Amino acid sequence: MSSSLGATVSLPSPVPADAVRHAHALRSRWPLQWLWAWPFPLAVLLLWHLSSVWGWVPEQVLPPPAVVFQTFWDMLVSGELWTNLWISLVRVFTGFSIGLVAGLLLGVSMGLSPAVRDYLLPSFKAFSQVPVIGWLPLLMLLVGIDEGLKFLLIAKATLVPVTINTCLGIQNVPNRFIEVAKVYGFTRWQMLTKVVFPAATAPIWNGVRYGLTHAWLALVVVELLASSEGIGFLIVYGRQLFQLDVVLASVLAVGIVGLVIDKLLSLTEAWLLRWRKPGL
């Protein structure tokens, strides 16, 4: 524990040698774990290919993998996929930003104030039980089917996990941290910035991570129902024309972008919480 008044309060303890050895063992096993992740998708791809070669499923229903990958590449080269992906990403990050700010403000308020929590938490729980798609008819009547509708639905998908994780993260800060800070005479502002928020970083970031994941999923659903551009629109467009290679190529793009977003968030989380790793 630091002896200065303005330092961050922490209660470090010696890291057991077994924990350090376990961490090194996990790092050494990472390439093996990475290899074990490939057999299942490769088996699915092989089964898909065989079903098209041997005629188990009509090509009009399930195009061969080679056709889907060629369509995916053609959409990339023509710029059609990039254009619609950019539109979708602008929508998702705009709605996510709105939901993130609102969720952090609401979660911090409920986490710090029992009165605010008693007044708002029951209503918020009821609000969170209604899925994103359930708000679509009402919001279509209120704001139409333009960009505002998409921003609001994506913001709602983000708001719930961010608010809940922020509130719980602040509530679950260990009491011993607060007691030590009081012994050092921390002001309320120092208590928040040096103790509460650092201790709640992990659950808050989990809420941000889940919020962005839910935002991306909500975007695709919204674009499937009410959009004339975007990656979800490409899926609908391909279905309407019965071009299932376009549908599957668009689904592949959705999965790749979602995986990249999740990986970036995971790396950011590891960097933010690097001080919690054994041996550091």
Protein backbone atom coordinates (compact mmCIF):
# COMPACT_ATOMS: atom_id res chain seq x y z
CA MET A 1 0.00 0.00 0.00
CA SER A 2 1.33 3.42 -0.88
CA SER A 3 1.91 5.85 1.96
CA SER A 4 1.04 8.99 0.00
CA LEU A 5 -2.43 10.46 0.32
CA GLY A 6 -3.01 10.87 -3.42
CA ALA A 7 -1.84 7.40 -4.43
CA THR A 8 -4.16 4.65 -5.52
CA VAL A 9 -5.13 2.42 -2.64
CA SER A 10 -4.38 -1.24 -3.21
CA LEU A 11 -3.82 -4.24 -1.01
CA PRO A 12 -1.20 -6.32 -2.80
CA SER A 13 -0.30 -9.75 -1.61
CA PRO A 14 2.58 -11.98 -2.62
CA VAL A 15 1.83 -13.98 -5.74
CA PRO A 16 2.15 -17.70 -5.00
CA ALA A 17 4.79 -19.52 -7.01
CA ASP A 18 2.15 -22.05 -8.12
CA ALA A 19 0.06 -19.26 -9.63
CA VAL A 20 3.04 -17.95 -11.59
CA ARG A 21 3.87 -21.43 -12.87
CA HIS A 22 0.23 -21.95 -13.84
CA ALA A 23 0.20 -18.69 -15.80
CA HIS A 24 3.36 -19.68 -17.68
CA ALA A 25 1.87 -23.10 -18.41
CA LEU A 26 -1.25 -21.50 -19.90
CA ARG A 27 0.89 -19.27 -22.12
CA SER A 28 2.94 -22.26 -23.32
CA ARG A 29 -0.26 -24.21 -24.13
CA TRP A 30 -1.77 -21.36 -26.17
CA PRO A 31 -0.55 -22.62 -29.61
CA LEU A 32 -2.05 -26.05 -28.84
CA GLN A 33 -5.35 -24.49 -27.81
CA TRP A 34 -5.33 -22.44 -31.02
CA LEU A 35 -4.84 -25.62 -33.08
CA TRP A 36 -7.70 -27.37 -31.28
CA ALA A 37 -10.04 -24.57 -32.38
CA TRP A 38 -9.75 -25.53 -36.06
CA PRO A 39 -11.02 -29.15 -36.40
CA PHE A 40 -14.71 -28.35 -35.88
CA PRO A 41 -15.03 -25.49 -38.43
CA LEU A 42 -12.93 -27.44 -40.94
CA ALA A 43 -15.20 -30.48 -40.46
CA VAL A 44 -18.28 -28.29 -41.04
CA LEU A 45 -16.67 -26.84 -44.17
CA LEU A 46 -15.85 -30.33 -45.46
CA LEU A 47 -19.39 -31.56 -44.80
CA TRP A 48 -20.75 -28.48 -46.58
CA HIS A 49 -18.52 -29.17 -49.58
CA LEU A 50 -19.46 -32.86 -49.73
CA SER A 51 -23.17 -32.06 -49.49
CA SER A 52 -22.88 -29.88 -52.61
CA VAL A 53 -20.64 -32.33 -54.51
CA TRP A 54 -22.78 -35.39 -53.81
CA GLY A 55 -26.07 -33.55 -54.19
CA TRP A 56 -27.34 -34.01 -50.66
CA VAL A 57 -28.69 -30.46 -50.69
CA PRO A 58 -29.73 -28.61 -53.89
CA GLU A 59 -27.31 -25.90 -54.93
CA GLN A 60 -30.19 -23.41 -55.05
CA VAL A 61 -30.71 -24.00 -51.31
CA LEU A 62 -27.09 -24.26 -50.17
CA PRO A 63 -24.47 -22.97 -52.64
CA PRO A 64 -21.06 -24.69 -52.55
CA PRO A 65 -18.36 -23.09 -50.37
CA ALA A 66 -16.31 -22.15 -53.43
CA VAL A 67 -19.23 -20.17 -54.87
CA VAL A 68 -19.83 -18.36 -51.57
CA PHE A 69 -16.15 -17.45 -51.16
CA GLN A 70 -15.97 -16.26 -54.77
CA THR A 71 -19.05 -14.08 -54.21
CA PHE A 72 -17.50 -12.74 -51.01
CA TRP A 73 -14.33 -11.83 -52.91
CA ASP A 74 -16.26 -10.25 -55.78
CA MET A 75 -18.25 -8.11 -53.32
CA LEU A 76 -14.98 -7.00 -51.71
CA VAL A 77 -13.33 -6.12 -55.01
CA SER A 78 -16.38 -4.27 -56.33
CA GLY A 79 -16.61 -2.23 -53.12
CA GLU A 80 -20.21 -3.23 -52.47
CA LEU A 81 -19.33 -5.03 -49.25
CA TRP A 82 -17.01 -2.25 -48.01
CA THR A 83 -19.65 0.42 -48.63
CA ASN A 84 -22.39 -1.41 -46.76
CA LEU A 85 -20.04 -2.44 -43.95
CA TRP A 86 -18.97 1.17 -43.44
CA ILE A 87 -22.62 2.29 -43.22
CA SER A 88 -23.31 -0.45 -40.67
CA LEU A 89 -20.24 0.39 -38.58
CA VAL A 90 -21.17 4.09 -38.45
CA ARG A 91 -24.63 3.12 -37.25
CA VAL A 92 -23.42 0.68 -34.63
CA PHE A 93 -20.79 2.97 -33.13
CA THR A 94 -23.17 5.93 -33.07
CA GLY A 95 -25.84 3.95 -31.26
CA PHE A 96 -23.24 2.30 -29.06
CA SER A 97 -21.83 5.68 -28.00
CA ILE A 98 -25.29 6.89 -26.99
CA GLY A 99 -26.02 3.73 -25.02
CA LEU A 100 -22.56 3.71 -23.45
CA VAL A 101 -22.80 7.25 -22.07
CA ALA A 102 -26.35 6.70 -20.79
CA GLY A 103 -25.46 3.30 -19.31
CA LEU A 104 -22.38 4.59 -17.49
CA LEU A 105 -24.26 7.55 -16.03
CA LEU A 106 -27.18 5.38 -14.95
CA GLY A 107 -24.99 2.56 -13.63
CA VAL A 108 -22.75 4.91 -11.63
CA SER A 109 -25.78 6.70 -10.18
CA MET A 110 -27.42 3.46 -9.07
CA GLY A 111 -24.14 2.00 -7.84
CA LEU A 112 -23.25 4.98 -5.67
CA SER A 113 -26.69 5.98 -4.40
CA PRO A 114 -29.00 3.47 -2.68
CA ALA A 115 -31.88 5.95 -3.06
CA VAL A 116 -31.43 6.19 -6.82
CA ARG A 117 -31.10 2.41 -7.00
CA ASP A 118 -34.33 1.89 -5.04
CA TYR A 119 -36.24 4.28 -7.29
CA LEU A 120 -34.87 3.21 -10.67
CA LEU A 121 -33.71 -0.39 -10.49
CA PRO A 122 -37.17 -2.08 -10.49
CA SER A 123 -38.29 -0.05 -13.51
CA PHE A 124 -34.99 -0.62 -15.26
CA LYS A 125 -35.27 -4.39 -14.76
CA ALA A 126 -38.72 -4.34 -16.35
CA PHE A 127 -37.39 -2.21 -19.21
CA SER A 128 -34.46 -4.56 -19.79
CA GLN A 129 -36.72 -7.62 -20.11
CA VAL A 130 -38.27 -6.29 -23.33
CA PRO A 131 -36.07 -7.38 -26.26
CA VAL A 132 -34.82 -4.88 -28.80
CA ILE A 133 -37.19 -6.12 -31.47
CA GLY A 134 -40.12 -5.53 -29.12
CA TRP A 135 -39.52 -1.77 -29.22
CA LEU A 136 -39.47 -1.65 -33.02
CA PRO A 137 -43.21 -1.06 -33.70
CA LEU A 138 -43.51 1.73 -31.11
CA LEU A 139 -40.34 3.52 -32.19
CA MET A 140 -41.32 3.26 -35.84
CA LEU A 141 -44.46 5.23 -35.00
CA LEU A 142 -42.51 7.81 -32.97
CA VAL A 143 -39.39 8.39 -35.06
CA GLY A 144 -40.09 6.70 -38.40
CA ILE A 145 -37.74 4.25 -40.10
CA ASP A 146 -34.80 6.59 -40.68
CA GLU A 147 -31.44 6.53 -38.92
CA GLY A 148 -32.91 7.66 -35.60
CA LEU A 149 -34.75 4.35 -35.26
CA LYS A 150 -31.56 2.36 -35.72
CA PHE A 151 -29.58 4.54 -33.31
CA LEU A 152 -32.21 4.19 -30.57
CA LEU A 153 -32.53 0.42 -30.88
CA ILE A 154 -28.77 -0.08 -30.89
CA ALA A 155 -28.45 2.28 -27.91
CA LYS A 156 -31.06 0.23 -26.02
CA ALA A 157 -29.13 -2.98 -26.72
CA THR A 158 -25.99 -1.32 -25.34
CA LEU A 159 -27.62 0.36 -22.37
CA VAL A 160 -28.71 -2.75 -20.49
CA PRO A 161 -25.39 -4.65 -20.08
CA VAL A 162 -23.40 -1.46 -19.49
CA THR A 163 -25.78 -0.23 -16.77
CA ILE A 164 -26.07 -3.56 -14.96
CA ASN A 165 -22.34 -4.33 -14.95
CA THR A 166 -21.42 -0.79 -13.90
CA CYS A 167 -23.91 -0.83 -11.03
CA LEU A 168 -22.83 -4.26 -9.79
CA GLY A 169 -19.15 -3.46 -10.20
CA ILE A 170 -19.41 -0.40 -7.98
CA GLN A 171 -21.59 -2.19 -5.42
CA ASN A 172 -19.15 -5.07 -5.13
CA VAL A 173 -16.04 -3.01 -4.36
CA PRO A 174 -14.55 -4.71 -1.25
CA ASN A 175 -15.29 -2.87 1.99
CA ARG A 176 -11.68 -3.23 3.11
CA PHE A 177 -10.61 -0.92 0.28
CA ILE A 178 -13.02 1.74 1.50
CA GLU A 179 -11.92 1.33 5.11
CA VAL A 180 -8.24 1.72 4.24
CA ALA A 181 -9.02 4.83 2.18
CA LYS A 182 -10.89 6.32 5.14
CA VAL A 183 -7.89 5.65 7.37
CA TYR A 184 -5.76 7.69 4.97
CA GLY A 185 -8.31 10.50 5.03
CA PHE A 186 -9.32 10.34 1.39
CA THR A 187 -11.87 12.86 0.22
CA ARG A 188 -14.99 11.65 -1.60
CA TRP A 189 -13.44 12.49 -4.97
CA GLN A 190 -10.25 10.63 -4.09
CA MET A 191 -12.35 7.71 -2.87
CA LEU A 192 -14.08 7.50 -6.25
CA THR A 193 -11.07 8.04 -8.50
CA LYS A 194 -8.46 6.14 -6.48
CA VAL A 195 -10.50 3.30 -5.01
CA VAL A 196 -14.02 2.72 -6.36
CA PHE A 197 -13.56 3.13 -10.10
CA PRO A 198 -10.19 1.29 -10.31
CA ALA A 199 -11.63 -1.61 -8.31
CA ALA A 200 -14.71 -1.72 -10.55
CA THR A 201 -12.80 -1.50 -13.84
CA ALA A 202 -13.11 -5.20 -14.71
CA PRO A 203 -16.92 -5.52 -14.40
CA ILE A 204 -17.46 -2.13 -16.04
CA TRP A 205 -15.32 -3.16 -18.99
CA ASN A 206 -17.21 -6.45 -19.23
CA GLY A 207 -20.38 -4.39 -19.56
CA VAL A 208 -18.79 -2.31 -22.31
CA ARG A 209 -17.68 -5.46 -24.12
CA TYR A 210 -21.10 -7.10 -23.92
CA GLY A 211 -22.73 -3.81 -24.84
CA LEU A 212 -20.78 -3.55 -28.10
CA THR A 213 -21.48 -7.20 -28.90
CA HIS A 214 -25.21 -6.67 -28.34
CA ALA A 215 -25.07 -3.48 -30.38
CA TRP A 216 -23.60 -5.34 -33.36
CA LEU A 217 -26.25 -8.06 -33.11
CA ALA A 218 -29.04 -5.49 -32.78
CA LEU A 219 -27.73 -3.63 -35.83
CA VAL A 220 -28.05 -6.69 -38.04
CA VAL A 221 -31.60 -7.34 -36.80
CA VAL A 222 -32.64 -3.73 -37.35
CA GLU A 223 -31.16 -3.65 -40.84
CA LEU A 224 -32.93 -6.87 -41.70
CA LEU A 225 -36.28 -5.25 -40.89
CA ALA A 226 -35.95 -1.57 -41.73
CA SER A 227 -33.09 -0.53 -43.96
CA SER A 228 -32.20 0.08 -47.60
CA GLU A 229 -28.43 -0.15 -47.07
CA GLY A 230 -26.01 -1.84 -44.75
CA ILE A 231 -24.84 -5.40 -44.20
CA GLY A 232 -28.26 -6.52 -42.95
CA PHE A 233 -29.85 -5.10 -46.07
CA LEU A 234 -27.49 -7.21 -48.21
CA ILE A 235 -28.81 -10.32 -46.49
CA VAL A 236 -32.42 -9.32 -47.16
CA TYR A 237 -31.59 -8.31 -50.73
CA GLY A 238 -29.97 -11.66 -51.45
CA ARG A 239 -32.91 -13.54 -49.95
CA GLN A 240 -35.46 -11.60 -52.00
CA LEU A 241 -33.58 -12.39 -55.22
CA PHE A 242 -32.91 -15.95 -54.03
CA GLN A 243 -29.18 -15.33 -54.34
CA LEU A 244 -28.15 -17.42 -51.37
CA ASP A 245 -24.47 -16.99 -52.17
CA VAL A 246 -24.91 -13.27 -51.44
CA VAL A 247 -26.76 -14.12 -48.21
CA LEU A 248 -24.02 -16.46 -46.99
CA ALA A 249 -21.24 -14.09 -48.06
CA SER A 250 -22.91 -11.30 -46.07
CA VAL A 251 -23.33 -13.60 -43.06
CA LEU A 252 -19.63 -14.46 -43.34
CA ALA A 253 -18.79 -10.74 -43.28
CA VAL A 254 -20.96 -10.24 -40.19
CA GLY A 255 -19.16 -13.06 -38.40
CA ILE A 256 -15.69 -11.81 -39.34
CA VAL A 257 -16.40 -8.24 -38.22
CA GLY A 258 -17.96 -9.43 -34.98
CA LEU A 259 -14.94 -11.65 -34.28
CA VAL A 260 -12.52 -8.78 -34.96
CA ILE A 261 -14.47 -6.44 -32.67
CA ASP A 262 -14.51 -9.00 -29.86
CA LYS A 263 -10.79 -9.68 -30.26
CA LEU A 264 -9.95 -5.96 -30.13
CA LEU A 265 -12.05 -5.59 -26.99
CA SER A 266 -10.34 -8.61 -25.44
CA LEU A 267 -6.90 -7.14 -26.13
CA THR A 268 -7.97 -3.79 -24.73
CA GLU A 269 -9.27 -5.49 -21.60
CA ALA A 270 -5.98 -7.34 -21.14
CA TRP A 271 -4.12 -4.03 -21.41
CA LEU A 272 -6.42 -2.21 -18.98
CA LEU A 273 -6.20 -5.01 -16.43
CA ARG A 274 -2.53 -5.88 -16.97
CA TRP A 275 -1.82 -4.97 -13.34
CA ARG A 276 -3.92 -7.95 -12.22
CA LYS A 277 -1.78 -10.53 -13.99
CA PRO A 278 0.36 -12.80 -11.77
CA GLY A 279 3.93 -11.66 -11.51
CA LEU A 280 3.32 -8.01 -12.50
